[in-house]
Amino acid sequence: MPTSVRLSEETEKRLDALAARTGRSKAFYLREMIESGIEDLEDYYLATEVMERIKRGEEKVMSSEEFWRGLDD
């Protein structure tokens, strides 16, 4: 799916240089960065949502003692 991204001039120059040095396309590196970074972003935003629910009292929090209780059985 074609998508456009606006980069700063400095980032564009760095991306151009990387692509030129390695013989790979800029699209290759952009795809690699997005695919490797999207999981981290998903984890971050999911954790942020959970923390907000905890602050509002909408999410149950288990103590470490509760967690470990029963696992030794």
Protein backbone atom coordinates (compact mmCIF):
# COMPACT_ATOMS: atom_id res chain seq x y z
CA MET A 1 0.00 0.00 0.00
CA PRO A 2 1.58 3.29 -1.02
CA THR A 3 1.97 5.76 1.86
CA SER A 4 3.74 9.09 1.92
CA VAL A 5 5.84 10.36 4.81
CA ARG A 6 7.24 13.84 5.30
CA LEU A 7 10.76 13.75 6.76
CA SER A 8 12.99 16.49 8.06
CA GLU A 9 15.76 17.55 5.72
CA GLU A 10 18.39 16.02 8.01
CA THR A 11 16.59 12.67 8.18
CA GLU A 12 16.11 12.64 4.41
CA LYS A 13 19.84 13.24 3.90
CA ARG A 14 20.74 10.45 6.31
CA LEU A 15 18.33 8.08 4.61
CA ASP A 16 19.72 9.02 1.17
CA ALA A 17 23.28 8.40 2.38
CA LEU A 18 22.38 5.04 3.92
CA ALA A 19 20.63 3.90 0.76
CA ALA A 20 23.55 5.05 -1.41
CA ARG A 21 26.17 3.33 0.78
CA THR A 22 24.33 0.03 0.90
CA GLY A 23 22.70 -0.12 -2.52
CA ARG A 24 19.27 -0.59 -0.99
CA SER A 25 16.28 1.66 -1.62
CA LYS A 26 15.01 4.27 0.79
CA ALA A 27 11.69 2.41 0.76
CA PHE A 28 13.47 -0.71 2.01
CA TYR A 29 14.84 1.14 5.04
CA LEU A 30 11.59 2.94 5.78
CA ARG A 31 9.73 -0.36 5.67
CA GLU A 32 12.34 -1.97 7.95
CA MET A 33 12.10 0.87 10.48
CA ILE A 34 8.32 0.81 10.53
CA GLU A 35 8.06 -2.96 10.81
CA SER A 36 10.66 -3.15 13.58
CA GLY A 37 9.28 -0.17 15.48
CA ILE A 38 5.53 -0.70 15.26
CA GLU A 39 5.51 -3.47 17.89
CA ASP A 40 7.25 -1.18 20.38
CA LEU A 41 4.70 1.56 19.70
CA GLU A 42 1.78 -0.86 20.08
CA ASP A 43 3.22 -2.10 23.40
CA TYR A 44 3.74 1.47 24.63
CA TYR A 45 0.21 2.64 23.81
CA LEU A 46 -1.39 -0.53 25.20
CA ALA A 47 0.57 -0.09 28.45
CA THR A 48 -0.46 3.58 28.60
CA GLU A 49 -4.12 2.62 28.22
CA VAL A 50 -3.85 0.01 30.97
CA MET A 51 -2.12 2.49 33.31
CA GLU A 52 -4.94 4.97 32.77
CA ARG A 53 -7.52 2.29 33.61
CA ILE A 54 -5.54 1.41 36.75
CA LYS A 55 -5.49 5.07 37.81
CA ARG A 56 -9.28 5.26 37.33
CA GLY A 57 -9.76 2.06 39.34
CA GLU A 58 -11.11 0.19 36.33
CA GLU A 59 -8.31 -2.41 36.20
CA LYS A 60 -7.55 -4.96 38.91
CA VAL A 61 -3.95 -4.96 40.12
CA MET A 62 -2.50 -8.13 41.59
CA SER A 63 0.28 -8.05 44.17
CA SER A 64 3.36 -10.17 43.59
CA GLU A 65 2.32 -12.33 46.54
CA GLU A 66 -1.07 -12.98 44.92
CA PHE A 67 0.63 -13.77 41.63
CA TRP A 68 3.04 -16.31 43.07
CA ARG A 69 0.49 -17.92 45.41
CA GLY A 70 -0.64 -21.21 43.93
CA LEU A 71 2.08 -21.42 41.30
CA ASP A 72 4.17 -23.72 43.48
CA ASP A 73 1.44 -26.40 43.52
